[in-house]
Amino acid sequence: MRNRAFYALGLLVMLIAGGFIWRLHVLQIQQYDYYATREKNNYTRYVTEEPIRGRILDTKGRVLAYDQTAYNVAVVPALSKNATATKENLFKLGAKAEDVEAAFENSKLYPFQPMVVIQDISESNRLKVLEVENDDPAIKLVLGSKRVYPYGQLGAFITGYVGMASKEDLQRDENLRPSSIVGKMAAEKVFDSYLRGQPGITEVLVDVSGRVVKETLVSTPVKGYDVYLTIDMDLQKVAWDAVANEVGGVIAANPRDGSIYALVSKPSFDPNVFVKGIDSATWKEYEKNSSLVNRMTMSQIPAGSTFKVVTGLAGLYYHAITPDFTINDPGYLQLGSARVWNYRHRSWGKVDFEKGLAVSNNVYFGTVGLRTGIDRIYEVAKTMGLTDYPWIEYDAVSKGIIPNQQWKKEVVGEPWYPGDTVNTSIGQGYVAVSPMLMAQVYQQIINDGELYKFRLLKEVRDGKTVVFKAEPESRPQSTIYKNWFPVIRNGMEAGVDWGLLTGLKSSMYTAAGKSGTAETERANKYHKWLIAYANRDNPEIMVVSLRLYTTDTEPVKITKTVMEGYFRGKSAVR
């Protein structure tokens, strides 16, 4: 009896042991891959370390933007024992609510990634962070960097600025993380892929309770490339000072290859204020003055008389006129009961094409417009790129608007009248273009229809090694009009020789140009344009100057100052 009981007990023990052995076999052998994968997916995380961003330099090697060592405050929400308390601690340290909330939201995808919420914390506040860090392991004082823009407002629309990657940035580029620093504007944005570098990666192993068990360095950060621009900060300063306190700006470029030498827009902004996060007072001031709007690339304003070259070209190309076409100018063009006057109601007597451009005669070009027709004027404007975005290596640009019968019917809901044709012919009415678009038009006039892409990039370097050298890009934009461009240039030269632009003359160069005055919605306030180039035989610089909402004259002084600054700098190099 006792033997039978002993036998039964032994059998039971063997069955239980066998079950354990079988279960161990299943866990260790049959399901090894499953649990290994589950452990890998659930408890291994990757943390990135931002690299040093590449520098931005001008054509002579002067530094426009660079990274400087700084202490930042970061939060790792996964390490927080009490999210509410952690947030409160961050607020006390000076973090903004929107930055903290964004950090906690982003941590759902990247739980162990330190999210920077305060950049470049002061030395006096570092001790406070260290004290908080002892009580709250989610808050970290981390060594990082901050972006510095030594030229401030002077270079703002050239460099732009950087910031944390937004939701849109993250959706656009899968390689980005919420902690990534990316370009937000101008060169920082356009050349971000060169400047950004490669982040370092650390593998973090976390146990079931959320504690970090092991950290393994996968790769170290790789510094971004240095980007050299075509900008010359000497000429940029000359243009900046010439514009003075006006609302407006300057574009100075090489018409033969599209290199931009200077790009000024006022009012401007200080890109350094975006590094730590712009305060509300500064933001309101910038909004009030539209300081973040590049008026030379984004404005949509009437071109005024600078548009007359398009009207004249259409008249010549479609044989509505010849260069010898002459009118007797009484000072106004009669349209039914209305009159379109010349500037200051002046009568110029007999006017042919050259004189019409030289003295910017409204009656002449209004007549040319009526003879040519709006559809043909529109076609020439479209061919020259005025109904599209400018061809430029820049991020913030606006499209041009050139009206015709269809446009007015669709947008305004009214029929087209002869007065609309006259207004369009002299760059008024519904014409709305940016200075950069008009720069394209005049570049084509200089180059007999060939258009060079306007560009900021000169070359990209890794230390002293050139890894990419930018080359001019061009296309035959409007070469079908090449037979008539010399006629346009003759009129622009006459404008400087004896017309309205004699003030542009200089012993340092021979220039040609066209001015423009456009009416605005403000009484007795005008947009004043001047587009010019030098030298005549071998153009190497073109300047677009703009003064917005002014009662003064065309920006001849601004343009002359910039041109002389260019040739003076060129002589100094020799």
Protein backbone atom coordinates (compact mmCIF):
# COMPACT_ATOMS: atom_id res chain seq x y z
CA MET A 1 0.00 0.00 0.00
CA ARG A 2 2.80 2.33 1.01
CA ASN A 3 4.67 1.39 -2.19
CA ARG A 4 1.66 2.27 -4.32
CA ALA A 5 1.35 5.69 -2.59
CA PHE A 6 5.05 6.32 -3.05
CA TYR A 7 4.78 5.34 -6.71
CA ALA A 8 1.83 7.71 -7.26
CA LEU A 9 3.64 10.56 -5.54
CA GLY A 10 6.72 9.95 -7.68
CA LEU A 11 4.63 9.91 -10.82
CA LEU A 12 3.02 13.21 -9.82
CA VAL A 13 6.41 14.82 -9.19
CA MET A 14 7.67 13.58 -12.55
CA LEU A 15 4.62 15.01 -14.34
CA ILE A 16 5.01 18.39 -12.66
CA ALA A 17 8.74 18.48 -13.40
CA GLY A 18 8.07 17.46 -16.97
CA GLY A 19 5.59 20.28 -17.31
CA PHE A 20 8.13 22.79 -16.03
CA ILE A 21 10.76 21.40 -18.38
CA TRP A 22 8.38 21.59 -21.34
CA ARG A 23 7.37 25.16 -20.42
CA LEU A 24 11.02 26.11 -20.14
CA HIS A 25 11.64 24.56 -23.57
CA VAL A 26 8.77 26.58 -25.05
CA LEU A 27 9.99 29.82 -23.48
CA GLN A 28 13.67 29.40 -24.22
CA ILE A 29 13.59 27.63 -27.56
CA GLN A 30 10.28 27.92 -29.36
CA GLN A 31 9.38 31.49 -28.28
CA TYR A 32 12.89 32.91 -27.92
CA ASP A 33 12.65 35.10 -31.03
CA TYR A 34 9.24 36.39 -29.99
CA TYR A 35 10.30 37.51 -26.50
CA ALA A 36 13.64 38.80 -27.67
CA THR A 37 11.89 40.98 -30.23
CA ARG A 38 9.32 42.11 -27.69
CA GLU A 39 12.08 43.13 -25.27
CA LYS A 40 13.91 44.97 -28.02
CA ASN A 41 10.81 46.87 -29.14
CA ASN A 42 9.44 47.68 -25.72
CA TYR A 43 12.54 48.57 -23.73
CA THR A 44 15.21 49.79 -26.10
CA ARG A 45 15.04 53.46 -27.05
CA TYR A 46 17.27 55.68 -29.15
CA VAL A 47 18.29 59.15 -28.01
CA THR A 48 19.80 61.66 -30.41
CA GLU A 49 22.42 64.34 -29.70
CA GLU A 50 22.30 67.44 -31.85
CA PRO A 51 25.45 68.16 -33.88
CA ILE A 52 27.23 71.49 -34.18
CA ARG A 53 25.57 73.36 -37.02
CA GLY A 54 27.73 74.57 -39.89
CA ARG A 55 28.63 78.23 -40.21
CA ILE A 56 27.26 80.72 -42.72
CA LEU A 57 29.88 83.03 -44.24
CA ASP A 58 29.92 85.77 -46.85
CA THR A 59 31.93 85.65 -50.06
CA LYS A 60 35.03 87.00 -48.27
CA GLY A 61 34.83 84.55 -45.38
CA ARG A 62 33.19 86.77 -42.76
CA VAL A 63 31.05 84.73 -40.38
CA LEU A 64 27.33 85.54 -40.48
CA ALA A 65 26.10 82.68 -38.27
CA TYR A 66 27.79 80.18 -35.96
CA ASP A 67 27.14 77.90 -32.97
CA GLN A 68 28.34 78.85 -29.50
CA THR A 69 28.44 76.57 -26.45
CA ALA A 70 25.47 77.11 -24.15
CA TYR A 71 23.69 75.45 -21.24
CA ASN A 72 20.11 74.42 -21.89
CA VAL A 73 17.32 73.06 -19.71
CA ALA A 74 15.77 69.84 -20.99
CA VAL A 75 13.05 67.54 -19.75
CA VAL A 76 12.73 63.77 -20.11
CA PRO A 77 9.01 63.21 -19.37
CA ALA A 78 9.44 59.42 -19.13
CA LEU A 79 11.55 59.94 -16.00
CA SER A 80 8.97 62.14 -14.30
CA LYS A 81 7.30 60.71 -11.20
CA ASN A 82 4.70 63.47 -11.21
CA ALA A 83 4.06 65.24 -14.52
CA THR A 84 2.22 68.15 -12.88
CA ALA A 85 5.06 68.77 -10.43
CA THR A 86 7.66 68.54 -13.21
CA LYS A 87 5.80 71.08 -15.32
CA GLU A 88 5.50 73.41 -12.34
CA ASN A 89 9.24 73.16 -11.70
CA LEU A 90 9.94 74.03 -15.34
CA PHE A 91 7.64 77.04 -15.18
CA LYS A 92 9.50 78.30 -12.10
CA LEU A 93 12.76 78.04 -14.03
CA GLY A 94 11.31 80.24 -16.77
CA ALA A 95 10.06 77.76 -19.36
CA LYS A 96 7.12 78.79 -21.53
CA ALA A 97 3.91 76.79 -21.19
CA GLU A 98 3.69 76.03 -24.92
CA ASP A 99 7.26 74.68 -24.96
CA VAL A 100 6.65 72.45 -21.94
CA GLU A 101 3.39 71.08 -23.31
CA ALA A 102 5.03 70.41 -26.67
CA ALA A 103 7.85 68.53 -24.93
CA PHE A 104 5.42 66.26 -23.07
CA GLU A 105 3.39 65.68 -26.22
CA ASN A 106 6.47 64.79 -28.28
CA SER A 107 7.69 62.45 -25.55
CA LYS A 108 4.89 60.04 -26.43
CA LEU A 109 6.92 59.07 -29.48
CA TYR A 110 10.38 59.70 -28.02
CA PRO A 111 10.03 59.06 -24.26
CA PHE A 112 13.72 59.17 -23.31
CA GLN A 113 14.77 61.97 -25.65
CA PRO A 114 15.75 65.10 -23.68
CA MET A 115 13.47 67.90 -24.91
CA VAL A 116 15.02 71.37 -24.62
CA VAL A 117 12.55 73.84 -23.12
CA ILE A 118 14.92 76.67 -22.14
CA GLN A 119 17.89 77.64 -24.28
CA ASP A 120 21.05 79.42 -23.15
CA ILE A 121 20.18 79.63 -19.46
CA SER A 122 22.13 82.21 -17.48
CA GLU A 123 24.93 81.23 -15.13
CA SER A 124 22.98 82.41 -12.10
CA ASN A 125 20.06 80.15 -13.00
CA ARG A 126 22.19 77.05 -13.52
CA LEU A 127 22.43 76.46 -9.76
CA LYS A 128 18.64 76.57 -9.53
CA VAL A 129 18.40 73.92 -12.24
CA LEU A 130 20.89 71.69 -10.44
CA GLU A 131 18.87 72.00 -7.22
CA VAL A 132 15.65 71.05 -9.03
CA GLU A 133 17.46 68.24 -10.84
CA ASN A 134 18.26 66.56 -7.50
CA ASP A 135 14.57 66.34 -6.64
CA ASP A 136 13.17 65.79 -10.13
CA PRO A 137 15.18 63.38 -12.34
CA ALA A 138 13.09 64.38 -15.37
CA ILE A 139 14.72 67.83 -15.47
CA LYS A 140 18.24 68.05 -16.88
CA LEU A 141 20.87 70.74 -17.28
CA VAL A 142 22.48 69.83 -20.60
CA LEU A 143 25.46 71.23 -22.45
CA GLY A 144 24.45 72.24 -25.96
CA SER A 145 24.83 75.19 -28.28
CA LYS A 146 23.08 78.35 -29.35
CA ARG A 147 23.06 80.06 -32.72
CA VAL A 148 24.74 83.47 -32.92
CA TYR A 149 24.19 86.08 -35.63
CA PRO A 150 26.94 88.71 -35.22
CA TYR A 151 25.51 91.07 -37.85
CA GLY A 152 22.02 91.13 -36.31
CA GLN A 153 19.49 93.11 -38.35
CA LEU A 154 22.03 93.89 -41.07
CA GLY A 155 22.11 90.25 -42.19
CA ALA A 156 18.67 89.11 -41.05
CA PHE A 157 17.09 88.53 -44.46
CA ILE A 158 20.25 86.80 -45.64
CA THR A 159 20.83 84.36 -42.79
CA GLY A 160 17.30 84.00 -41.46
CA TYR A 161 17.19 82.10 -38.16
CA VAL A 162 16.81 78.61 -36.66
CA GLY A 163 14.39 76.97 -34.25
CA MET A 164 13.11 73.66 -32.95
CA ALA A 165 11.56 71.38 -35.54
CA SER A 166 7.82 71.98 -35.87
CA LYS A 167 5.13 69.38 -36.57
CA GLU A 168 5.31 70.37 -40.23
CA ASP A 169 9.10 69.91 -40.22
CA LEU A 170 8.75 66.46 -38.62
CA GLN A 171 6.17 65.40 -41.21
CA ARG A 172 8.35 66.68 -44.05
CA ASP A 173 11.56 64.95 -42.93
CA GLU A 174 11.47 61.58 -41.16
CA ASN A 175 15.08 62.00 -40.04
CA LEU A 176 14.14 64.88 -37.73
CA ARG A 177 13.28 64.62 -34.04
CA PRO A 178 11.41 67.15 -31.87
CA SER A 179 14.79 68.17 -30.43
CA SER A 180 16.24 68.88 -33.90
CA ILE A 181 17.33 72.42 -34.74
CA VAL A 182 16.32 73.42 -38.26
CA GLY A 183 16.45 76.51 -40.44
CA LYS A 184 13.27 78.57 -40.39
CA MET A 185 14.05 81.27 -42.93
CA ALA A 186 16.44 82.46 -45.67
CA ALA A 187 19.88 80.77 -45.89
CA GLU A 188 19.32 78.80 -42.68
CA LYS A 189 16.27 77.19 -44.27
CA VAL A 190 17.33 76.99 -47.93
CA PHE A 191 20.68 75.36 -47.10
CA ASP A 192 19.53 73.44 -44.03
CA SER A 193 20.57 70.07 -45.46
CA TYR A 194 24.19 71.27 -45.70
CA LEU A 195 24.25 73.08 -42.37
CA ARG A 196 22.44 70.57 -40.15
CA GLY A 197 25.03 67.80 -39.88
CA GLN A 198 24.31 64.32 -38.52
CA PRO A 199 23.03 63.73 -34.96
CA GLY A 200 24.76 61.36 -32.57
CA ILE A 201 22.77 58.29 -31.48
CA THR A 202 22.75 56.52 -28.10
CA GLU A 203 20.90 53.26 -27.46
CA VAL A 204 19.13 53.30 -24.09
CA LEU A 205 18.02 50.04 -22.42
CA VAL A 206 15.21 50.53 -19.91
CA ASP A 207 13.77 48.00 -17.46
CA VAL A 208 10.08 47.37 -16.81
CA SER A 209 9.96 50.03 -14.11
CA GLY A 210 11.29 52.68 -16.47
CA ARG A 211 14.80 52.87 -15.06
CA VAL A 212 17.74 53.23 -17.43
CA VAL A 213 19.77 50.03 -17.24
CA LYS A 214 22.37 50.65 -19.91
CA GLU A 215 23.42 53.31 -22.41
CA THR A 216 25.38 52.37 -25.52
CA LEU A 217 26.90 54.95 -27.87
CA VAL A 218 25.97 54.06 -31.44
CA SER A 219 27.44 57.09 -33.24
CA THR A 220 28.86 60.51 -32.40
CA PRO A 221 27.47 63.76 -33.87
CA VAL A 222 28.95 64.97 -37.16
CA LYS A 223 29.29 68.74 -37.60
CA GLY A 224 27.42 70.39 -40.46
CA TYR A 225 29.12 71.85 -43.52
CA ASP A 226 30.07 75.54 -43.75
CA VAL A 227 28.07 77.47 -46.35
CA TYR A 228 29.72 80.38 -48.19
CA LEU A 229 27.38 82.90 -49.79
CA THR A 230 27.71 85.29 -52.73
CA ILE A 231 26.83 88.16 -50.37
CA ASP A 232 29.49 90.82 -49.77
CA MET A 233 28.89 92.31 -46.31
CA ASP A 234 30.82 95.45 -47.26
CA LEU A 235 28.30 96.19 -50.01
CA GLN A 236 25.46 95.00 -47.76
CA LYS A 237 26.46 97.68 -45.23
CA VAL A 238 26.66 100.33 -47.95
CA ALA A 239 23.14 99.45 -49.13
CA TRP A 240 21.82 99.29 -45.56
CA ASP A 241 23.13 102.75 -44.73
CA ALA A 242 21.86 104.15 -48.04
CA VAL A 243 18.29 103.03 -47.33
CA ALA A 244 18.64 104.67 -43.89
CA ASN A 245 15.31 104.81 -42.03
CA GLU A 246 13.13 104.39 -45.11
CA VAL A 247 10.66 101.56 -45.58
CA GLY A 248 12.00 99.68 -48.59
CA GLY A 249 15.17 97.98 -49.63
CA VAL A 250 17.86 97.09 -52.16
CA ILE A 251 18.81 94.13 -54.32
CA ALA A 252 22.32 94.21 -55.78
CA ALA A 253 23.29 91.34 -58.07
CA ASN A 254 25.45 90.26 -60.97
CA PRO A 255 23.13 90.11 -64.01
CA ARG A 256 25.55 87.82 -65.86
CA ASP A 257 25.40 84.92 -63.40
CA GLY A 258 22.65 85.70 -60.86
CA SER A 259 24.95 86.10 -57.82
CA ILE A 260 23.30 88.28 -55.17
CA TYR A 261 25.77 90.71 -53.57
CA ALA A 262 23.41 92.56 -51.23
CA LEU A 263 19.84 92.06 -50.05
CA VAL A 264 18.37 94.72 -47.76
CA SER A 265 14.80 95.04 -46.54
CA LYS A 266 13.64 97.54 -43.93
CA PRO A 267 12.29 97.45 -41.29
CA SER A 268 14.35 94.42 -40.36
CA PHE A 269 14.61 92.18 -37.29
CA ASP A 270 17.28 90.71 -35.05
CA PRO A 271 17.55 86.94 -35.64
CA ASN A 272 19.27 86.56 -32.25
CA VAL A 273 15.97 87.14 -30.43
CA PHE A 274 14.62 83.87 -31.82
CA VAL A 275 17.43 81.82 -30.27
CA LYS A 276 16.05 81.89 -26.72
CA GLY A 277 12.47 82.49 -27.79
CA ILE A 278 11.09 85.88 -28.75
CA ASP A 279 9.21 87.81 -26.05
CA SER A 280 5.68 89.07 -26.65
CA ALA A 281 6.61 92.77 -26.72
CA THR A 282 9.23 92.28 -29.44
CA TRP A 283 6.90 90.02 -31.40
CA LYS A 284 4.13 92.66 -31.32
CA GLU A 285 6.57 95.29 -32.54
CA TYR A 286 7.72 93.06 -35.40
CA GLU A 287 4.12 92.29 -36.34
CA LYS A 288 3.16 95.95 -36.29
CA ASN A 289 6.02 96.94 -38.59
CA SER A 290 5.91 93.76 -40.73
CA SER A 291 9.57 93.38 -39.84
CA LEU A 292 9.67 89.70 -40.82
CA VAL A 293 8.46 90.45 -44.36
CA ASN A 294 11.19 90.71 -46.97
CA ARG A 295 9.82 93.55 -49.03
CA MET A 296 12.19 92.84 -51.91
CA THR A 297 11.00 89.26 -52.45
CA MET A 298 7.48 89.16 -51.01
CA SER A 299 5.87 92.52 -51.80
CA GLN A 300 3.02 92.53 -54.30
CA ILE A 301 2.90 96.17 -55.36
CA PRO A 302 2.39 98.18 -58.56
CA ALA A 303 5.56 98.34 -60.64
CA GLY A 304 4.83 101.87 -61.79
CA SER A 305 6.80 103.06 -64.79
CA THR A 306 9.38 100.27 -64.47
CA PHE A 307 6.69 98.16 -66.19
CA LYS A 308 6.80 100.35 -69.32
CA VAL A 309 9.65 98.25 -70.71
CA VAL A 310 7.20 95.32 -70.89
CA THR A 311 4.54 97.41 -72.64
CA GLY A 312 7.11 98.79 -75.06
CA LEU A 313 8.50 95.34 -75.78
CA ALA A 314 5.01 94.02 -76.55
CA GLY A 315 4.35 96.93 -78.90
CA LEU A 316 7.62 96.37 -80.74
CA TYR A 317 7.40 92.59 -80.94
CA TYR A 318 3.81 92.56 -82.23
CA HIS A 319 4.55 95.47 -84.62
CA ALA A 320 1.96 97.74 -83.04
CA ILE A 321 4.71 100.38 -83.12
CA THR A 322 8.28 100.88 -84.35
CA PRO A 323 11.12 102.59 -82.47
CA ASP A 324 10.32 105.70 -84.53
CA PHE A 325 6.64 105.77 -83.56
CA THR A 326 5.98 109.34 -82.42
CA ILE A 327 3.13 111.15 -80.66
CA ASN A 328 2.45 114.80 -79.83
CA ASP A 329 2.10 114.82 -76.06
CA PRO A 330 -0.24 117.45 -74.58
CA GLY A 331 0.48 116.15 -71.06
CA TYR A 332 -2.52 113.85 -70.82
CA LEU A 333 -4.28 110.96 -72.58
CA GLN A 334 -8.01 111.49 -73.08
CA LEU A 335 -10.21 108.44 -72.34
CA GLY A 336 -13.82 109.48 -72.76
CA SER A 337 -14.41 112.03 -70.03
CA ALA A 338 -11.32 110.93 -68.06
CA ARG A 339 -7.71 111.96 -68.46
CA VAL A 340 -4.53 110.05 -67.67
CA TRP A 341 -1.81 112.58 -66.87
CA ASN A 342 1.94 112.56 -67.10
CA TYR A 343 3.85 112.90 -63.85
CA ARG A 344 3.30 116.43 -62.54
CA HIS A 345 1.04 117.10 -65.56
CA ARG A 346 4.03 117.92 -67.73
CA SER A 347 3.78 118.07 -71.54
CA TRP A 348 6.76 116.72 -73.49
CA GLY A 349 5.80 117.66 -77.07
CA LYS A 350 7.02 115.21 -79.70
CA VAL A 351 7.88 111.86 -78.11
CA ASP A 352 9.32 108.75 -79.76
CA PHE A 353 10.20 105.43 -78.11
CA GLU A 354 13.62 106.44 -76.77
CA LYS A 355 12.34 109.72 -75.36
CA GLY A 356 9.26 107.99 -73.98
CA LEU A 357 11.45 105.72 -71.84
CA ALA A 358 13.98 108.43 -70.98
CA VAL A 359 11.36 110.79 -69.55
CA SER A 360 8.93 108.02 -68.49
CA ASN A 361 6.04 109.38 -70.53
CA ASN A 362 2.62 108.07 -69.46
CA VAL A 363 0.84 109.39 -72.54
CA TYR A 364 3.24 107.62 -74.89
CA PHE A 365 3.06 104.22 -73.21
CA GLY A 366 -0.66 104.50 -72.58
CA THR A 367 -1.02 104.99 -76.34
CA VAL A 368 1.31 102.06 -77.03
CA GLY A 369 -0.76 99.90 -74.71
CA LEU A 370 -4.02 100.76 -76.49
CA ARG A 371 -2.47 100.02 -79.90
CA THR A 372 -0.99 96.72 -78.69
CA GLY A 373 -3.88 95.37 -76.62
CA ILE A 374 -3.95 93.88 -73.13
CA ASP A 375 -3.75 90.25 -74.29
CA ARG A 376 -0.42 90.83 -76.02
CA ILE A 377 0.96 92.83 -73.10
CA TYR A 378 -0.10 90.02 -70.78
CA GLU A 379 1.58 87.43 -73.02
CA VAL A 380 4.92 89.26 -72.95
CA ALA A 381 4.69 89.77 -69.18
CA LYS A 382 3.94 86.07 -68.73
CA THR A 383 6.83 85.04 -70.98
CA MET A 384 9.18 87.17 -68.90
CA GLY A 385 8.01 85.42 -65.73
CA LEU A 386 5.85 88.11 -64.14
CA THR A 387 2.86 85.82 -63.55
CA ASP A 388 4.94 83.23 -61.70
CA TYR A 389 7.28 83.05 -58.72
CA PRO A 390 10.80 84.44 -59.20
CA TRP A 391 13.54 81.97 -60.10
CA ILE A 392 15.66 82.40 -57.02
CA GLU A 393 17.46 80.40 -54.35
CA TYR A 394 15.27 81.76 -51.53
CA ASP A 395 12.32 80.59 -49.47
CA ALA A 396 10.05 83.62 -49.00
CA VAL A 397 8.83 84.83 -52.39
CA SER A 398 5.53 85.97 -53.86
CA LYS A 399 3.90 85.38 -57.21
CA GLY A 400 3.22 88.23 -59.60
CA ILE A 401 -0.21 89.42 -60.75
CA ILE A 402 -0.63 90.80 -64.27
CA PRO A 403 -4.29 91.41 -65.09
CA ASN A 404 -6.14 90.70 -68.32
CA GLN A 405 -9.79 90.42 -69.31
CA GLN A 406 -10.24 86.92 -67.93
CA TRP A 407 -8.49 87.74 -64.65
CA LYS A 408 -10.63 90.80 -64.02
CA LYS A 409 -13.84 88.92 -64.79
CA GLU A 410 -12.91 86.07 -62.42
CA VAL A 411 -11.42 88.12 -59.59
CA VAL A 412 -13.20 91.47 -59.73
CA GLY A 413 -16.36 90.36 -61.48
CA GLU A 414 -16.31 93.27 -63.92
CA PRO A 415 -15.64 93.70 -67.65
CA TRP A 416 -12.38 95.09 -69.02
CA TYR A 417 -12.24 98.75 -70.06
CA PRO A 418 -9.73 100.75 -72.14
CA GLY A 419 -8.74 102.54 -68.94
CA ASP A 420 -7.65 99.19 -67.51
CA THR A 421 -5.33 98.71 -70.48
CA VAL A 422 -3.80 102.16 -69.98
CA ASN A 423 -3.34 101.61 -66.23
CA THR A 424 -1.69 98.24 -66.83
CA SER A 425 0.53 99.72 -69.55
CA ILE A 426 2.08 102.14 -67.06
CA GLY A 427 2.35 99.60 -64.23
CA GLN A 428 -0.67 100.77 -62.25
CA GLY A 429 -4.15 99.38 -61.64
CA TYR A 430 -4.13 95.70 -60.77
CA VAL A 431 -0.44 95.10 -61.52
CA ALA A 432 1.18 93.60 -58.40
CA VAL A 433 4.76 92.33 -58.47
CA SER A 434 7.80 92.04 -56.22
CA PRO A 435 11.11 93.86 -56.79
CA MET A 436 12.75 90.45 -57.31
CA LEU A 437 10.36 89.70 -60.19
CA MET A 438 11.15 93.05 -61.80
CA ALA A 439 14.85 92.31 -61.31
CA GLN A 440 14.27 89.21 -63.45
CA VAL A 441 12.68 91.30 -66.19
CA TYR A 442 15.58 93.73 -66.35
CA GLN A 443 18.13 90.93 -66.17
CA GLN A 444 16.55 89.51 -69.34
CA ILE A 445 16.75 92.93 -70.99
CA ILE A 446 20.46 93.03 -70.19
CA ASN A 447 21.06 89.46 -71.41
CA ASP A 448 18.91 89.51 -74.57
CA GLY A 449 16.34 87.18 -73.04
CA GLU A 450 18.61 84.79 -71.15
CA LEU A 451 17.63 84.49 -67.47
CA TYR A 452 20.08 83.50 -64.75
CA LYS A 453 18.71 82.07 -61.54
CA PHE A 454 19.29 84.52 -58.70
CA ARG A 455 21.34 82.73 -56.06
CA LEU A 456 22.94 83.15 -52.65
CA LEU A 457 25.14 80.04 -52.63
CA LYS A 458 28.81 80.31 -53.57
CA GLU A 459 30.18 77.03 -52.22
CA VAL A 460 29.94 74.45 -49.43
CA ARG A 461 33.01 73.44 -47.43
CA ASP A 462 34.02 70.73 -44.99
CA GLY A 463 36.82 72.56 -43.21
CA LYS A 464 39.04 73.78 -46.04
CA THR A 465 37.78 71.20 -48.52
CA VAL A 466 35.20 72.40 -51.07
CA VAL A 467 32.51 69.70 -51.27
CA PHE A 468 30.19 71.64 -53.60
CA LYS A 469 30.73 74.68 -55.79
CA ALA A 470 27.65 76.45 -57.12
CA GLU A 471 27.57 77.15 -60.84
CA PRO A 472 25.31 79.65 -62.65
CA GLU A 473 22.03 78.25 -63.96
CA SER A 474 20.31 79.88 -66.91
CA ARG A 475 17.49 79.36 -69.37
CA PRO A 476 16.35 81.14 -72.55
CA GLN A 477 13.37 82.77 -70.84
CA SER A 478 12.47 85.42 -73.43
CA THR A 479 15.04 85.15 -76.21
CA ILE A 480 12.23 85.41 -78.77
CA TYR A 481 12.32 89.17 -78.10
CA LYS A 482 16.10 89.50 -78.47
CA ASN A 483 15.88 91.72 -81.57
CA TRP A 484 14.09 94.39 -79.54
CA PHE A 485 16.05 94.41 -76.29
CA PRO A 486 18.70 96.81 -77.70
CA VAL A 487 15.92 99.35 -78.30
CA ILE A 488 14.88 99.06 -74.65
CA ARG A 489 18.48 99.46 -73.47
CA ASN A 490 18.94 102.58 -75.62
CA GLY A 491 15.96 104.19 -73.91
CA MET A 492 17.36 103.30 -70.47
CA GLU A 493 20.76 104.76 -71.38
CA ALA A 494 19.08 107.96 -72.59
CA GLY A 495 17.33 108.19 -69.23
CA VAL A 496 20.72 108.57 -67.54
CA ASP A 497 22.34 110.67 -70.30
CA TRP A 498 19.66 113.38 -70.56
CA GLY A 499 16.38 112.07 -69.14
CA LEU A 500 15.01 111.80 -65.63
CA LEU A 501 18.00 109.88 -64.21
CA THR A 502 20.92 112.23 -64.84
CA GLY A 503 21.58 112.13 -61.09
CA LEU A 504 22.78 108.55 -61.55
CA LYS A 505 25.82 109.64 -63.57
CA SER A 506 29.22 108.88 -62.07
CA SER A 507 32.87 108.95 -63.13
CA MET A 508 33.16 105.39 -61.77
CA TYR A 509 30.79 103.71 -64.23
CA THR A 510 28.41 104.09 -67.19
CA ALA A 511 24.84 103.27 -66.22
CA ALA A 512 21.41 102.70 -67.71
CA GLY A 513 18.18 102.63 -65.76
CA LYS A 514 14.45 103.09 -65.43
CA SER A 515 12.56 104.72 -62.59
CA GLY A 516 8.97 104.30 -61.53
CA THR A 517 6.39 105.98 -59.32
CA ALA A 518 3.35 103.97 -58.28
CA GLU A 519 0.26 105.34 -56.60
CA THR A 520 -0.84 103.70 -53.35
CA GLU A 521 -3.97 103.51 -51.23
CA ARG A 522 -2.54 106.27 -49.00
CA ALA A 523 -3.10 109.86 -50.06
CA ASN A 524 0.04 111.57 -51.41
CA LYS A 525 2.15 108.50 -50.64
CA TYR A 526 3.95 106.66 -53.44
CA HIS A 527 6.13 103.63 -54.08
CA LYS A 528 9.33 104.85 -55.72
CA TRP A 529 11.34 102.42 -57.86
CA LEU A 530 14.67 102.53 -59.66
CA ILE A 531 16.21 99.63 -61.58
CA ALA A 532 19.65 100.24 -63.07
CA TYR A 533 22.79 98.47 -64.23
CA ALA A 534 26.45 99.22 -64.96
CA ASN A 535 28.59 99.19 -66.98
CA ARG A 536 26.69 99.53 -70.23
CA ASP A 537 29.10 97.57 -72.43
CA ASN A 538 29.78 94.86 -69.89
CA PRO A 539 27.13 94.86 -67.14
CA GLU A 540 28.48 93.43 -63.89
CA ILE A 541 26.04 94.83 -61.37
CA MET A 542 22.35 95.61 -61.35
CA VAL A 543 20.59 97.40 -58.51
CA VAL A 544 16.91 97.46 -57.65
CA SER A 545 16.06 100.19 -55.14
CA LEU A 546 12.65 100.68 -53.59
CA ARG A 547 11.15 103.28 -51.27
CA LEU A 548 7.66 102.50 -50.02
CA TYR A 549 4.99 105.01 -49.02
CA THR A 550 7.17 108.05 -49.55
CA THR A 551 6.58 111.61 -50.73
CA ASP A 552 10.20 112.00 -51.84
CA THR A 553 11.81 111.40 -55.23
CA GLU A 554 12.97 108.17 -56.84
CA PRO A 555 15.81 106.41 -54.99
CA VAL A 556 18.54 107.72 -57.32
CA LYS A 557 20.84 108.54 -54.40
CA ILE A 558 20.44 105.04 -52.95
CA THR A 559 21.24 103.38 -56.28
CA LYS A 560 24.22 105.62 -57.00
CA THR A 561 25.64 105.01 -53.51
CA VAL A 562 25.38 101.24 -53.94
CA MET A 563 26.89 101.28 -57.44
CA GLU A 564 29.80 103.46 -56.39
CA GLY A 565 30.27 101.24 -53.32
CA TYR A 566 30.52 98.21 -55.58
CA PHE A 567 33.09 99.74 -57.95
CA ARG A 568 35.06 101.26 -55.07
CA GLY A 569 35.26 97.84 -53.43
CA LYS A 570 36.30 96.27 -56.71
CA SER A 571 39.14 98.79 -57.10
CA ALA A 572 40.30 98.15 -53.53
CA VAL A 573 40.71 94.44 -54.27
CA ARG A 574 43.04 95.23 -57.15
